[in-house]
Amino acid sequence: MLTDNNLAGKELSHLGSLTQIETLKLGGNKIKTLDELKSLVSQSQYLPLKSGLTNLRNLDLVNNDVTNLQGYQTKIYEMFPNLDVSYLSNQL
């Protein structure tokens, strides 16, 4: 759980190497753009083996500015097609 840690941008890039993560709680951080989340799914030039959160099933992004971007939920599901449960909005 990484909730309320003021994480954003490059701080998220280290998580992409943790390929077995199934649940990631990033609520209450400072994630403002979709580009900041791309490092979680992209192949890293520093990791020649498989990288990215390919096993991610649960994602919490509540209380991040990125949740205010128009159409961002669709993009999140494109980035993480295996999501079963997500908390992507500040609205219930």
C-alpha atoms as a PDB file:
ATOM      1  CA  MET A   1       0.000   0.000   0.000  1.00  0.00           C
ATOM      2  CA  LEU A   2       1.464   3.332  -1.094  1.00  0.00           C
ATOM      3  CA  THR A   3      -1.463   5.556  -0.182  1.00  0.00           C
ATOM      4  CA  ASP A   4      -0.823   9.167   0.883  1.00  0.00           C
ATOM      5  CA  ASN A   5       2.929   9.202   0.189  1.00  0.00           C
ATOM      6  CA  ASN A   6       3.145  12.202  -2.180  1.00  0.00           C
ATOM      7  CA  LEU A   7       4.287   9.902  -5.002  1.00  0.00           C
ATOM      8  CA  ALA A   8       4.376  11.075  -8.603  1.00  0.00           C
ATOM      9  CA  GLY A   9       6.388  10.870 -11.810  1.00  0.00           C
ATOM     10  CA  LYS A  10       9.767   9.199 -11.564  1.00  0.00           C
ATOM     11  CA  GLU A  11       8.989   7.829  -8.116  1.00  0.00           C
ATOM     12  CA  LEU A  12       6.497   5.470  -9.762  1.00  0.00           C
ATOM     13  CA  SER A  13       8.970   4.138 -12.328  1.00  0.00           C
ATOM     14  CA  HIS A  14      10.576   1.786  -9.816  1.00  0.00           C
ATOM     15  CA  LEU A  15       7.286  -0.072  -9.388  1.00  0.00           C
ATOM     16  CA  GLY A  16       7.279  -1.309 -12.997  1.00  0.00           C
ATOM     17  CA  SER A  17       9.868  -3.951 -12.178  1.00  0.00           C
ATOM     18  CA  LEU A  18       7.601  -5.572  -9.581  1.00  0.00           C
ATOM     19  CA  THR A  19       5.843  -7.778 -12.128  1.00  0.00           C
ATOM     20  CA  GLN A  20       3.991  -9.958  -9.633  1.00  0.00           C
ATOM     21  CA  ILE A  21       2.002  -7.153  -7.987  1.00  0.00           C
ATOM     22  CA  GLU A  22      -1.729  -7.823  -8.188  1.00  0.00           C
ATOM     23  CA  THR A  23      -2.998  -4.971  -5.984  1.00  0.00           C
ATOM     24  CA  LEU A  24      -1.640  -1.432  -6.003  1.00  0.00           C
ATOM     25  CA  LYS A  25      -3.094   1.282  -3.799  1.00  0.00           C
ATOM     26  CA  LEU A  26      -1.871   4.691  -4.940  1.00  0.00           C
ATOM     27  CA  GLY A  27      -4.739   6.781  -3.567  1.00  0.00           C
ATOM     28  CA  GLY A  28      -3.990  10.213  -2.139  1.00  0.00           C
ATOM     29  CA  ASN A  29      -0.727  10.798  -4.003  1.00  0.00           C
ATOM     30  CA  LYS A  30       0.289  13.506  -6.477  1.00  0.00           C
ATOM     31  CA  ILE A  31      -0.257  11.697  -9.770  1.00  0.00           C
ATOM     32  CA  LYS A  32      -1.399  14.329 -12.266  1.00  0.00           C
ATOM     33  CA  THR A  33      -0.964  12.823 -15.733  1.00  0.00           C
ATOM     34  CA  LEU A  34      -1.387   9.516 -17.513  1.00  0.00           C
ATOM     35  CA  ASP A  35       2.246   9.738 -18.611  1.00  0.00           C
ATOM     36  CA  GLU A  36       3.280   9.308 -14.988  1.00  0.00           C
ATOM     37  CA  LEU A  37       1.557   5.919 -14.958  1.00  0.00           C
ATOM     38  CA  LYS A  38       3.066   4.689 -18.233  1.00  0.00           C
ATOM     39  CA  SER A  39       6.228   3.589 -16.473  1.00  0.00           C
ATOM     40  CA  LEU A  40       4.141   0.964 -14.702  1.00  0.00           C
ATOM     41  CA  VAL A  41       3.369  -0.798 -17.988  1.00  0.00           C
ATOM     42  CA  SER A  42       6.324   0.018 -20.227  1.00  0.00           C
ATOM     43  CA  GLN A  43       9.355  -2.054 -20.959  1.00  0.00           C
ATOM     44  CA  SER A  44      12.317  -0.450 -19.269  1.00  0.00           C
ATOM     45  CA  GLN A  45      15.578   0.014 -21.130  1.00  0.00           C
ATOM     46  CA  TYR A  46      17.321  -1.014 -17.924  1.00  0.00           C
ATOM     47  CA  LEU A  47      15.392  -4.245 -17.457  1.00  0.00           C
ATOM     48  CA  PRO A  48      15.955  -6.634 -20.369  1.00  0.00           C
ATOM     49  CA  LEU A  49      13.541  -9.156 -18.880  1.00  0.00           C
ATOM     50  CA  LYS A  50       9.785  -8.788 -18.671  1.00  0.00           C
ATOM     51  CA  SER A  51       8.752  -5.631 -16.853  1.00  0.00           C
ATOM     52  CA  GLY A  52       5.553  -3.804 -16.124  1.00  0.00           C
ATOM     53  CA  LEU A  53       2.638  -4.618 -13.874  1.00  0.00           C
ATOM     54  CA  THR A  54       1.234  -7.334 -16.129  1.00  0.00           C
ATOM     55  CA  ASN A  55      -0.445  -9.155 -13.212  1.00  0.00           C
ATOM     56  CA  LEU A  56      -2.189  -6.072 -11.819  1.00  0.00           C
ATOM     57  CA  ARG A  57      -5.826  -6.848 -10.961  1.00  0.00           C
ATOM     58  CA  ASN A  58      -6.707  -4.105  -8.447  1.00  0.00           C
ATOM     59  CA  LEU A  59      -5.765  -0.443  -8.732  1.00  0.00           C
ATOM     60  CA  ASP A  60      -6.657   2.479  -6.471  1.00  0.00           C
ATOM     61  CA  LEU A  61      -6.063   6.005  -7.812  1.00  0.00           C
ATOM     62  CA  VAL A  62      -8.645   7.862  -5.705  1.00  0.00           C
ATOM     63  CA  ASN A  63      -7.665  11.396  -4.650  1.00  0.00           C
ATOM     64  CA  ASN A  64      -5.067  11.914  -7.369  1.00  0.00           C
ATOM     65  CA  ASP A  65      -5.393  14.779  -9.853  1.00  0.00           C
ATOM     66  CA  VAL A  66      -5.219  12.325 -12.748  1.00  0.00           C
ATOM     67  CA  THR A  67      -8.770  11.257 -11.870  1.00  0.00           C
ATOM     68  CA  ASN A  68     -10.009  14.646 -13.073  1.00  0.00           C
ATOM     69  CA  LEU A  69      -8.791  14.167 -16.657  1.00  0.00           C
ATOM     70  CA  GLN A  70     -11.517  13.592 -19.205  1.00  0.00           C
ATOM     71  CA  GLY A  71     -11.596   9.992 -20.452  1.00  0.00           C
ATOM     72  CA  TYR A  72      -8.801   8.855 -18.205  1.00  0.00           C
ATOM     73  CA  GLN A  73     -10.650   5.745 -16.983  1.00  0.00           C
ATOM     74  CA  THR A  74     -10.734   4.359 -20.512  1.00  0.00           C
ATOM     75  CA  LYS A  75      -7.005   4.940 -20.833  1.00  0.00           C
ATOM     76  CA  ILE A  76      -6.334   3.197 -17.517  1.00  0.00           C
ATOM     77  CA  TYR A  77      -8.195   0.100 -18.707  1.00  0.00           C
ATOM     78  CA  GLU A  78      -6.185   0.196 -21.941  1.00  0.00           C
ATOM     79  CA  MET A  79      -2.946   0.418 -19.971  1.00  0.00           C
ATOM     80  CA  PHE A  80      -3.968  -2.324 -17.515  1.00  0.00           C
ATOM     81  CA  PRO A  81      -6.279  -4.672 -19.431  1.00  0.00           C
ATOM     82  CA  ASN A  82      -6.318  -7.289 -16.655  1.00  0.00           C
ATOM     83  CA  LEU A  83      -7.945  -5.043 -14.039  1.00  0.00           C
ATOM     84  CA  ASP A  84     -10.807  -6.698 -12.185  1.00  0.00           C
ATOM     85  CA  VAL A  85     -11.378  -4.083  -9.506  1.00  0.00           C
ATOM     86  CA  SER A  86     -10.438  -0.462  -9.711  1.00  0.00           C
ATOM     87  CA  TYR A  87     -11.010   2.628  -7.662  1.00  0.00           C
ATOM     88  CA  LEU A  88     -10.319   5.181 -10.334  1.00  0.00           C
ATOM     89  CA  SER A  89     -12.576   8.017  -9.344  1.00  0.00           C
ATOM     90  CA  ASN A  90     -13.167  10.333  -6.454  1.00  0.00           C
ATOM     91  CA  GLN A  91     -16.867   9.604  -6.909  1.00  0.00           C
ATOM     92  CA  LEU A  92     -18.571   6.462  -5.641  1.00  0.00           C
END
